Protein backbone atom coordinates (compact mmCIF):
# COMPACT_ATOMS: atom_id res chain seq x y z
CA UNK A 1 -96.17 -32.58 -137.19
CA UNK A 2 -94.96 -29.27 -140.19
CA UNK A 3 -99.29 -28.79 -140.78
CA UNK A 4 -100.10 -28.94 -137.11
CA UNK A 5 -97.77 -25.80 -136.02
CA UNK A 6 -100.13 -24.23 -138.94
CA UNK A 7 -103.39 -25.62 -137.83
CA UNK A 8 -102.50 -24.52 -133.92
CA UNK A 9 -101.97 -21.26 -135.02
CA UNK A 10 -104.82 -20.13 -137.30
CA UNK A 11 -106.83 -21.73 -135.18
CA UNK A 12 -105.03 -19.35 -132.30
CA UNK A 13 -105.19 -16.26 -134.48
CA UNK A 14 -108.90 -17.30 -134.82
CA UNK A 15 -109.72 -17.17 -131.30
CA UNK A 16 -107.54 -13.85 -131.31
CA UNK A 17 -109.79 -12.27 -133.97
CA UNK A 18 -112.42 -13.46 -132.20
CA UNK A 19 -111.84 -12.32 -128.53
CA UNK A 20 -114.57 -10.03 -128.08
CA UNK A 21 -117.58 -13.18 -129.08
CA UNK A 22 -115.37 -15.70 -127.32
CA UNK A 23 -114.12 -12.84 -124.40
CA UNK A 24 -111.03 -14.52 -123.88
CA UNK A 25 -108.47 -12.52 -123.73
CA UNK A 26 -106.18 -12.02 -127.21
CA UNK A 27 -102.92 -12.34 -124.91
CA UNK A 28 -104.04 -15.36 -123.85
CA UNK A 29 -104.81 -17.08 -126.41
CA UNK A 30 -101.45 -15.19 -128.15
CA UNK A 31 -99.62 -16.80 -125.51
CA UNK A 32 -101.18 -20.26 -125.97
CA UNK A 33 -99.68 -20.23 -129.18
CA UNK A 34 -96.44 -19.13 -128.79
CA UNK A 35 -95.40 -21.66 -125.71
CA UNK A 36 -97.54 -24.53 -128.59
CA UNK A 37 -95.78 -24.39 -131.98
CA UNK A 38 -92.55 -23.96 -130.09
CA UNK A 39 -93.86 -27.53 -128.54
CA UNK A 40 -94.60 -29.12 -131.20
CA UNK A 41 -91.75 -27.75 -133.22
CA UNK A 42 -89.01 -29.53 -130.92
CA UNK A 43 -91.42 -32.98 -130.45
CA UNK A 44 -91.81 -33.39 -134.33
CA UNK A 45 -88.29 -31.76 -134.82
CA UNK A 46 -86.59 -34.34 -136.39
CA UNK A 47 -89.34 -35.03 -138.96
CA UNK A 48 -90.26 -31.78 -139.25
CA UNK A 49 -86.72 -30.85 -140.33
CA UNK A 50 -86.21 -33.40 -142.84
CA UNK A 51 -88.55 -31.98 -145.03
CA UNK A 52 -85.52 -29.77 -146.17
CA UNK A 53 -87.98 -26.56 -145.87
CA UNK A 54 -85.99 -24.56 -142.73
CA UNK A 55 -84.02 -22.36 -144.17
CA UNK A 56 -82.24 -21.86 -140.87
CA UNK A 57 -80.80 -26.13 -140.17
CA UNK A 58 -79.42 -26.25 -143.77
CA UNK A 59 -77.39 -23.22 -142.61
CA UNK A 60 -76.28 -25.04 -139.64
CA UNK A 61 -76.00 -28.09 -140.69
CA UNK A 62 -73.19 -26.73 -142.61
CA UNK A 63 -71.15 -26.24 -139.26
CA UNK A 64 -71.47 -29.50 -138.05
CA UNK A 65 -69.10 -32.30 -139.40
CA UNK A 66 -69.66 -34.40 -142.00
CA UNK A 67 -71.18 -37.57 -141.27
CA UNK A 68 -72.64 -36.64 -137.65
CA UNK A 69 -75.68 -36.81 -139.08
CA UNK A 70 -75.97 -40.43 -139.82
CA UNK A 71 -75.88 -41.08 -135.95
CA UNK A 72 -79.33 -40.99 -135.01
CA UNK A 73 -78.35 -40.20 -131.24
CA UNK A 74 -75.58 -37.30 -132.84
CA UNK A 75 -78.89 -35.94 -135.01
CA UNK A 76 -80.98 -35.80 -132.25
CA UNK A 77 -78.62 -34.11 -129.85
CA UNK A 78 -77.68 -31.56 -132.60
CA UNK A 79 -81.35 -30.92 -133.77
CA UNK A 80 -81.98 -30.24 -129.81
CA UNK A 81 -79.15 -27.94 -130.33
CA UNK A 82 -80.55 -26.03 -132.95
CA UNK A 83 -83.91 -25.53 -131.59
CA UNK A 84 -82.82 -24.54 -127.96
CA UNK A 85 -80.01 -23.24 -128.45
CA UNK A 86 -79.67 -21.58 -131.08
CA UNK A 87 -83.15 -20.94 -132.86
CA UNK A 88 -84.88 -20.27 -129.30
CA UNK A 89 -82.77 -17.86 -127.81
CA UNK A 90 -81.46 -15.80 -131.09
CA UNK A 91 -85.29 -15.07 -131.43
CA UNK A 92 -86.11 -14.44 -127.49
CA UNK A 93 -83.13 -11.90 -127.97
CA UNK A 94 -84.95 -10.15 -131.32
CA UNK A 95 -88.34 -10.27 -129.53
CA UNK A 96 -86.46 -9.37 -125.93
CA UNK A 97 -85.33 -5.93 -127.96
CA UNK A 98 -89.35 -4.93 -129.59
CA UNK A 99 -90.62 -5.46 -125.86
CA UNK A 100 -88.14 -3.38 -124.01
CA UNK A 101 -88.27 -0.65 -126.12
CA UNK A 102 -92.57 -0.89 -126.61
CA UNK A 103 -92.42 -0.68 -122.74
CA UNK A 104 -90.32 1.96 -122.03
CA UNK A 105 -91.97 4.18 -124.91
CA UNK A 106 -95.27 3.14 -123.29
CA UNK A 107 -94.08 4.36 -119.71
CA UNK A 108 -92.71 7.97 -121.01
CA UNK A 109 -96.39 8.71 -122.87
CA UNK A 110 -97.82 7.43 -119.57
CA UNK A 111 -95.69 9.16 -117.27
CA UNK A 112 -96.68 12.65 -119.86
CA UNK A 113 -100.14 12.18 -119.91
CA UNK A 114 -100.17 11.50 -115.68
CA UNK A 115 -98.16 14.77 -115.50
CA UNK A 116 -101.50 16.33 -117.85
CA UNK A 117 -98.52 17.31 -120.55
CA UNK A 118 -100.95 16.69 -123.41
CA UNK A 119 -103.52 18.64 -122.04
CA UNK A 120 -101.12 22.25 -122.95
CA UNK A 121 -102.03 20.66 -127.03
CA UNK A 122 -105.34 19.45 -126.24
CA UNK A 123 -106.36 23.36 -124.60
CA UNK A 124 -105.27 25.19 -127.39
CA UNK A 125 -107.91 24.19 -129.93
CA UNK A 126 -110.68 27.04 -129.74
CA UNK A 127 -112.65 26.34 -133.36
CA UNK A 128 -115.63 25.09 -133.37
CA UNK A 129 -116.01 24.68 -138.18
CA UNK A 130 -116.25 20.75 -138.66
CA UNK A 131 -113.91 20.58 -141.52
CA UNK A 132 -111.06 23.06 -139.83
CA UNK A 133 -111.27 20.96 -136.87
CA UNK A 134 -111.21 17.72 -139.35
CA UNK A 135 -107.55 19.29 -140.66
CA UNK A 136 -106.38 20.32 -137.47
CA UNK A 137 -107.08 16.96 -135.72
CA UNK A 138 -105.68 15.18 -138.93
CA UNK A 139 -102.64 17.08 -139.23
CA UNK A 140 -102.02 17.13 -134.97
CA UNK A 141 -102.94 12.83 -134.75
CA UNK A 142 -100.49 12.66 -137.90
CA UNK A 143 -97.61 14.40 -136.37
CA UNK A 144 -98.40 13.03 -132.91
CA UNK A 145 -97.96 9.56 -133.84
CA UNK A 146 -94.98 9.82 -136.02
CA UNK A 147 -93.21 11.46 -132.48
CA UNK A 148 -95.09 9.11 -129.99
CA UNK A 149 -97.13 5.70 -131.48
CA UNK A 150 -100.41 5.58 -133.10
CA UNK A 151 -102.37 3.79 -130.84
CA UNK A 152 -101.09 6.46 -127.73
CA UNK A 153 -101.49 9.24 -130.16
CA UNK A 154 -105.50 7.54 -131.31
CA UNK A 155 -106.21 7.29 -126.78
CA UNK A 156 -105.27 11.01 -125.96
CA UNK A 157 -107.50 12.68 -129.36
CA UNK A 158 -110.62 10.71 -128.83
CA UNK A 159 -110.10 11.36 -125.30
CA UNK A 160 -109.69 14.74 -126.55
CA UNK A 161 -113.15 14.75 -129.00
CA UNK A 162 -115.40 14.34 -125.98
CA UNK A 163 -114.60 17.32 -124.90
CA UNK A 164 -114.81 19.01 -128.24
CA UNK A 165 -117.75 17.25 -129.87
CA UNK A 166 -121.20 16.61 -128.09
CA UNK A 167 -122.60 14.40 -131.06
CA UNK A 168 -122.34 10.92 -131.26
CA UNK A 169 -122.46 10.08 -135.16
CA UNK A 170 -120.39 13.12 -135.75
CA UNK A 171 -117.86 12.22 -133.33
CA UNK A 172 -117.28 8.50 -134.23
CA UNK A 173 -116.78 10.14 -137.95
CA UNK A 174 -113.84 12.25 -136.18
CA UNK A 175 -112.73 9.39 -134.44
CA UNK A 176 -111.91 7.40 -137.64
CA UNK A 177 -110.45 9.83 -138.74
CA UNK A 178 -107.81 10.39 -135.84
CA UNK A 179 -107.55 6.55 -136.97
CA UNK A 180 -107.19 7.09 -140.44
CA UNK A 181 -104.60 10.02 -139.44
CA UNK A 182 -102.87 8.00 -136.95
CA UNK A 183 -101.32 5.08 -138.91
CA UNK A 184 -100.71 7.27 -141.97
CA UNK A 185 -98.04 9.28 -139.28
CA UNK A 186 -96.98 5.81 -137.53
CA UNK A 187 -95.79 4.31 -140.36
CA UNK A 188 -93.19 6.52 -141.58
CA UNK A 189 -91.79 7.27 -138.13
CA UNK A 190 -88.88 4.50 -136.95
CA UNK A 191 -91.32 5.03 -134.01
CA UNK A 192 -94.79 5.39 -134.51
CA UNK A 193 -95.99 1.98 -135.22
CA UNK A 194 -95.06 -1.42 -133.67
CA UNK A 195 -93.93 -2.70 -137.36
CA UNK A 196 -92.22 0.08 -138.06
CA UNK A 197 -90.25 -0.37 -134.73
CA UNK A 198 -89.69 -3.73 -135.92
CA UNK A 199 -88.51 -3.54 -139.12
CA UNK A 200 -86.07 -0.76 -137.83
CA UNK A 201 -84.88 -2.69 -134.96
CA UNK A 202 -84.52 -5.60 -137.66
CA UNK A 203 -82.22 -3.78 -139.68
CA UNK A 204 -84.64 -4.02 -142.77
CA UNK A 205 -84.74 0.28 -142.55
CA UNK A 206 -83.14 2.73 -141.05
CA UNK A 207 -84.46 5.77 -139.37
CA UNK A 208 -83.70 8.92 -142.04
CA UNK A 209 -84.23 6.62 -144.95
CA UNK A 210 -87.98 5.11 -144.07
CA UNK A 211 -88.38 8.72 -142.47
CA UNK A 212 -87.45 10.51 -146.32
CA UNK A 213 -89.33 7.55 -148.73
CA UNK A 214 -92.87 6.74 -146.67
CA UNK A 215 -93.45 10.52 -145.56
CA UNK A 216 -94.82 11.75 -148.69
CA UNK A 217 -97.07 8.59 -149.55
CA UNK A 218 -97.90 8.77 -145.72
CA UNK A 219 -99.41 12.25 -146.45
CA UNK A 220 -101.26 11.64 -149.52
CA UNK A 221 -103.04 8.69 -147.32
CA UNK A 222 -104.11 11.66 -144.48
CA UNK A 223 -105.16 14.20 -146.80
CA UNK A 224 -107.15 11.76 -149.40
CA UNK A 225 -109.60 11.71 -147.04
CA UNK A 226 -109.63 14.22 -145.16
CA UNK A 227 -109.93 16.23 -149.17
CA UNK A 228 -113.11 14.16 -149.96
CA UNK A 229 -114.71 14.67 -146.83
CA UNK A 230 -114.16 18.44 -146.81
CA UNK A 231 -116.61 19.01 -149.43
CA UNK A 232 -119.24 17.08 -147.41
CA UNK A 233 -119.18 17.86 -143.98
CA UNK A 234 -121.07 21.15 -143.62
CA UNK A 235 -121.66 23.44 -139.95
CA UNK A 236 -120.26 23.66 -136.72
CA UNK A 237 -119.93 20.99 -134.19
CA UNK A 238 -121.84 21.42 -130.95
CA UNK A 239 -119.49 21.86 -127.85
CA UNK A 240 -120.88 19.38 -124.77
CA UNK A 241 -120.90 21.51 -121.22
CA UNK A 242 -118.54 20.80 -119.46
CA UNK A 243 -118.07 19.81 -115.40
CA UNK A 244 -115.27 22.42 -114.06
CA UNK A 245 -115.10 19.82 -111.23
CA UNK A 246 -113.54 17.47 -113.89
CA UNK A 247 -110.96 19.40 -114.48
CA UNK A 248 -108.78 18.79 -111.24
CA UNK A 249 -106.07 20.66 -111.97
CA UNK A 250 -102.31 19.14 -109.73
CA UNK A 251 -100.08 19.92 -112.02
CA UNK A 252 -98.74 23.78 -112.29
CA UNK A 253 -98.54 24.81 -116.38
CA UNK A 254 -94.50 24.79 -116.23
CA UNK A 255 -94.33 21.23 -115.35
CA UNK A 256 -96.98 20.66 -118.07
CA UNK A 257 -94.62 21.71 -120.68
CA UNK A 258 -91.64 20.41 -119.11
CA UNK A 259 -92.31 17.03 -118.96
CA UNK A 260 -94.10 17.49 -122.59
CA UNK A 261 -91.13 18.60 -124.05
CA UNK A 262 -88.44 16.63 -122.02
CA UNK A 263 -90.88 13.20 -122.27
CA UNK A 264 -91.29 14.21 -126.44
CA UNK A 265 -87.81 14.77 -126.88
CA UNK A 266 -87.19 11.43 -124.62
CA UNK A 267 -88.89 9.61 -126.96
CA UNK A 268 -87.24 11.50 -130.57
CA UNK A 269 -83.67 11.11 -129.02
CA UNK A 270 -83.27 7.59 -129.80
CA UNK A 271 -82.81 7.12 -133.10
CA UNK A 272 -79.74 9.81 -132.99
CA UNK A 273 -78.91 7.06 -129.99
CA UNK A 274 -78.70 4.32 -132.27
CA UNK A 275 -76.81 6.53 -134.93
CA UNK A 276 -74.21 8.03 -132.69
CA UNK A 277 -73.65 4.35 -130.26
CA UNK A 278 -74.81 2.06 -131.84
CA UNK A 279 -76.48 0.33 -129.73
CA UNK A 280 -80.06 -1.50 -129.92
CA UNK A 281 -82.60 0.91 -129.69
CA UNK A 282 -84.28 -0.07 -126.54
CA UNK A 283 -81.17 0.91 -125.00
CA UNK A 284 -82.01 4.38 -125.94
CA UNK A 285 -84.74 4.63 -124.70
CA UNK A 286 -84.52 2.83 -121.19
CA UNK A 287 -81.82 5.57 -120.91
CA UNK A 288 -84.29 8.13 -121.88
CA UNK A 289 -86.65 6.82 -119.05
CA UNK A 290 -84.20 7.36 -117.03
CA UNK A 291 -83.68 10.73 -117.15
CA UNK A 292 -87.58 11.18 -117.17
CA UNK A 293 -87.82 9.44 -114.08
CA UNK A 294 -85.43 10.69 -112.20
CA UNK A 295 -86.79 14.35 -112.61
CA UNK A 296 -90.41 13.48 -112.08
CA UNK A 297 -88.59 12.04 -108.93
CA UNK A 298 -87.24 15.57 -108.41
CA UNK A 299 -90.35 17.14 -109.08
CA UNK A 300 -92.69 14.91 -106.93
CA UNK A 301 -90.80 16.23 -103.42
CA UNK A 302 -92.27 19.11 -103.98
CA UNK A 303 -95.67 18.10 -104.05
CA UNK A 304 -98.05 17.13 -101.31
CA UNK A 305 -98.67 13.29 -100.26
CA UNK A 306 -101.69 12.27 -102.12
CA UNK A 307 -100.15 14.43 -105.54
CA UNK A 308 -96.83 12.45 -104.94
CA UNK A 309 -98.59 9.25 -104.95
CA UNK A 310 -100.47 10.20 -108.13
CA UNK A 311 -97.44 11.09 -109.99
CA UNK A 312 -95.10 8.46 -108.49
CA UNK A 313 -93.95 6.58 -112.02
CA UNK A 314 -93.73 3.08 -110.00
CA UNK A 315 -97.67 4.17 -109.49
CA UNK A 316 -97.61 4.73 -113.19
CA UNK A 317 -96.46 2.01 -114.40
CA UNK A 318 -99.45 0.52 -113.20
CA UNK A 319 -101.05 1.82 -116.61
CA UNK A 320 -99.11 0.30 -118.65
CA UNK A 321 -100.62 -2.29 -120.92
CA UNK A 322 -98.41 -4.96 -120.13
CA UNK A 323 -101.59 -7.25 -121.99
CA UNK A 324 -100.76 -6.09 -125.21
CA UNK A 325 -96.60 -6.91 -124.41
CA UNK A 326 -98.13 -10.02 -123.34
CA UNK A 327 -99.74 -10.38 -126.88
CA UNK A 328 -97.15 -9.15 -128.94
CA UNK A 329 -94.36 -11.36 -127.05
CA UNK A 330 -96.79 -14.83 -128.12
CA UNK A 331 -97.53 -13.39 -131.23
CA UNK A 332 -93.70 -12.94 -132.17
CA UNK A 333 -92.76 -16.60 -130.95
CA UNK A 334 -95.02 -18.59 -132.67
CA UNK A 335 -94.44 -16.29 -135.91
CA UNK A 336 -90.58 -17.15 -135.15
CA UNK A 337 -91.26 -21.08 -134.19
CA UNK A 338 -92.63 -21.12 -138.10
CA UNK A 339 -90.11 -19.24 -139.49
CA UNK A 340 -87.10 -21.73 -137.86
CA UNK A 341 -89.29 -24.93 -139.12
CA UNK A 342 -89.44 -23.26 -142.70
CA UNK A 343 -92.80 -22.78 -143.37
CA UNK A 344 -92.22 -18.95 -143.88
CA UNK A 345 -90.32 -19.72 -146.50
CA UNK A 346 -92.59 -21.48 -148.29
CA UNK A 347 -95.43 -19.24 -148.14
CA UNK A 348 -92.47 -16.30 -149.23
CA UNK A 349 -92.11 -18.93 -152.13
CA UNK A 350 -95.98 -19.01 -153.19
CA UNK A 351 -96.37 -15.21 -153.74
CA UNK A 352 -93.09 -14.84 -155.30
CA UNK A 353 -94.32 -17.60 -157.71
CA UNK A 354 -97.87 -16.34 -158.48
CA UNK A 355 -97.61 -12.87 -157.23
CA UNK A 356 -93.64 -11.38 -158.69
CA UNK A 357 -93.95 -8.68 -158.24
CA UNK A 358 -93.34 -6.75 -154.56
CA UNK A 359 -95.97 -3.60 -155.35
CA UNK A 360 -98.97 -6.64 -155.30
CA UNK A 361 -96.98 -8.12 -152.40
CA UNK A 362 -97.65 -5.52 -150.30
CA UNK A 363 -100.65 -4.27 -151.47
CA UNK A 364 -101.88 -8.14 -150.59
CA UNK A 365 -100.42 -7.58 -146.85
CA UNK A 366 -101.76 -4.12 -146.51
CA UNK A 367 -105.06 -5.69 -147.28
CA UNK A 368 -104.70 -8.48 -145.63
CA UNK A 369 -103.95 -6.18 -142.09
CA UNK A 370 -107.42 -4.37 -141.72
CA UNK A 371 -108.74 -7.85 -141.50
CA UNK A 372 -105.98 -9.52 -139.26
CA UNK A 373 -103.58 -7.80 -136.86
CA UNK A 374 -100.52 -6.46 -138.65
CA UNK A 375 -97.72 -7.26 -136.41
CA UNK A 376 -97.73 -10.93 -137.16
CA UNK A 377 -98.15 -9.83 -141.02
CA UNK A 378 -94.51 -8.16 -141.14
CA UNK A 379 -93.13 -10.47 -138.66
CA UNK A 380 -94.48 -12.96 -141.12
CA UNK A 381 -92.51 -10.85 -143.99
CA UNK A 382 -89.63 -10.66 -141.82
CA UNK A 383 -89.20 -14.42 -141.69
CA UNK A 384 -90.18 -15.11 -145.75
CA UNK A 385 -87.46 -12.59 -146.51
CA UNK A 386 -83.92 -12.15 -146.14
CA UNK A 387 -82.06 -8.93 -145.79
CA UNK A 388 -79.64 -9.08 -149.30
CA UNK A 389 -76.07 -8.03 -149.23
CA UNK A 390 -75.93 -5.39 -151.87
CA UNK A 391 -72.65 -6.19 -152.94
CA UNK A 392 -73.88 -10.06 -153.85
CA UNK A 393 -76.63 -9.25 -156.61
CA UNK A 394 -76.41 -7.04 -159.29
CA UNK A 395 -78.17 -3.41 -159.71
CA UNK A 396 -82.01 -3.79 -161.10
CA UNK A 397 -81.99 -7.30 -160.05
CA UNK A 398 -85.25 -8.25 -158.60
CA UNK A 399 -83.91 -9.03 -155.65
CA UNK A 400 -82.37 -5.84 -154.84
CA UNK A 401 -85.95 -4.92 -153.96
CA UNK A 402 -84.62 -7.17 -150.60
CA UNK A 403 -81.78 -4.92 -149.40
CA UNK A 404 -81.61 -2.80 -146.40
CA UNK A 405 -83.58 0.22 -147.13
CA UNK A 406 -85.24 -1.96 -150.13
CA UNK A 407 -88.30 -0.72 -151.95
CA UNK A 408 -89.38 -3.87 -150.08
CA UNK A 409 -89.07 -2.56 -146.79
CA UNK A 410 -90.43 0.08 -147.16
CA UNK A 411 -93.76 -0.05 -148.81
CA UNK A 412 -94.47 -3.26 -145.97
CA UNK A 413 -94.05 -0.79 -143.38
CA UNK A 414 -96.55 1.57 -145.38
CA UNK A 415 -98.90 -0.40 -146.59
CA UNK A 416 -98.82 -2.76 -143.35
CA UNK A 417 -99.15 0.44 -141.49
CA UNK A 418 -101.76 2.20 -143.17
CA UNK A 419 -103.49 -0.75 -145.01
CA UNK A 420 -105.36 -1.69 -141.47
CA UNK A 421 -107.00 1.37 -141.27
CA UNK A 422 -109.66 -0.15 -144.49
CA UNK A 423 -111.49 -2.02 -141.40
CA UNK A 424 -112.01 -0.71 -137.60
CA UNK A 425 -110.61 -3.64 -136.11
CA UNK A 426 -108.11 -3.52 -139.01
CA UNK A 427 -105.57 -2.07 -135.66
CA UNK A 428 -104.27 -1.04 -132.31
CA UNK A 429 -106.15 2.39 -133.12
CA UNK A 430 -109.16 1.17 -134.35
CA UNK A 431 -109.43 -1.21 -132.04
CA UNK A 432 -109.11 1.30 -129.32
CA UNK A 433 -111.14 3.97 -130.54
CA UNK A 434 -113.79 1.49 -131.00
CA UNK A 435 -114.16 0.44 -127.53
CA UNK A 436 -113.35 4.19 -126.31
CA UNK A 437 -116.46 5.38 -128.40
CA UNK A 438 -118.42 2.33 -128.53
CA UNK A 439 -118.07 3.07 -132.61
CA UNK A 440 -120.15 0.28 -135.24
CA UNK A 441 -118.66 -2.00 -137.29
CA UNK A 442 -121.03 -1.80 -139.84
CA UNK A 443 -121.39 2.00 -139.44
CA UNK A 444 -117.76 2.19 -140.15
CA UNK A 445 -117.89 -0.27 -142.97
CA UNK A 446 -120.23 1.86 -144.59
CA UNK A 447 -118.98 5.56 -143.85
CA UNK A 448 -115.53 5.15 -143.56
CA UNK A 449 -113.75 2.44 -145.39
CA UNK A 450 -114.50 3.59 -148.76
CA UNK A 451 -112.36 6.59 -148.18
CA UNK A 452 -109.41 4.28 -145.84
CA UNK A 453 -109.19 1.91 -148.95
CA UNK A 454 -109.16 5.05 -151.13
CA UNK A 455 -106.50 6.74 -149.46
CA UNK A 456 -104.09 3.65 -149.43
CA UNK A 457 -103.77 3.09 -152.68
CA UNK A 458 -103.73 7.59 -153.59
CA UNK A 459 -100.55 6.08 -150.89
CA UNK A 460 -99.53 3.28 -152.42
CA UNK A 461 -99.77 5.41 -156.09
CA UNK A 462 -97.50 7.96 -154.30
CA UNK A 463 -95.22 5.82 -153.45
CA UNK A 464 -95.07 4.09 -157.17
CA UNK A 465 -94.28 8.23 -158.88
CA UNK A 466 -91.96 8.81 -156.32
CA UNK A 467 -89.63 5.35 -156.48
CA UNK A 468 -90.06 6.34 -160.62
CA UNK A 469 -88.55 10.39 -160.26
CA UNK A 470 -86.33 9.18 -157.61
CA UNK A 471 -85.40 5.96 -160.24
CA UNK A 472 -85.35 4.39 -157.10
């Protein structure tokens, strides 16, 4: 049963990776393995937990009266309590925080987009010089993805590229660089990527520290590929013909600016809310959403019946990407079962024994994230390694890297966030761009992957040098 859990996870993950050929939505596969792994776990609980690999079970046994596990009936009762009432509910609480945070953030972004708030930014770009446009879009993407998230920013910017560039292959180049910049920008922000959100909510990193320590490596990761392309890219982009009838103005410029500022402020307020109140970040996100919702209801009173329906938050909620949220629920549930049963502890020991270096471990995780989704990789790493209490370790020891805001967690946020850029399928941003622009996998591999890899390694090097300078 212990091995069967891993087999089910691997098969399910294969189905997720082959989503398009199989024509089965990845959310369905994720929910299936999220349920099946827990079913196998509880059905084979006695055999699985008797192996002694579950760190959580060993800790739970200390709270049981001595000798109780020698009674088969009592032992089964305690095992049931451990899995159902302690582990399943504990992990559900952690997962729910992430999901409610994402739902709130995605809804805020959809409201801003529906009110044409992003049009305020995109209308300012007028240059046709390829190099200049590349730098403008890269920096715009880099900072937008930190404030919003890399997936949303990619969708907004790729949609913008259709209005700026007519030639398909040139647009592919720019869309690919948007993916690189979005993933780099999301890595240094606590709300810029699902993985950094997970680490922030989990307590592995704090908002201020992740910004301070990962900003420069992320910037290097974005700048290096752009700088290399600047030497080879020449000429002007050809603008497509714009149909004026498509430019439907149903909000005023003042409304767009107001909703844009309000929405972004609500997102940026979340770290402040957590710092001041010490409440979970999802509460700050829902608080910001509630205020924005009330404001839009007031604005909507002045609109016509048709525009009011279009701008209603209830209608906007139908555009929120619920399958993605369900995908995260399934995959995080599956990873939680492997953490509870002990498979992830075994993997952590294997990595420590064979690599034994936090830089090599994280580089490997980053490279893997270009092939498989970074969410389960980070969830797995969070399950494999515990946050260490700094009072219990000596300064300079290997375990000091695993304290909150330790080197391991910062580097994990960076590597998992930016390593996915190496392949077009390696990140949510890449998959979104691929779907929107029909970017060819082999084309990306030939034209962009090496640039992304150089930027990734340069970013790791920048973090290493930064750590030496700061004696970190």
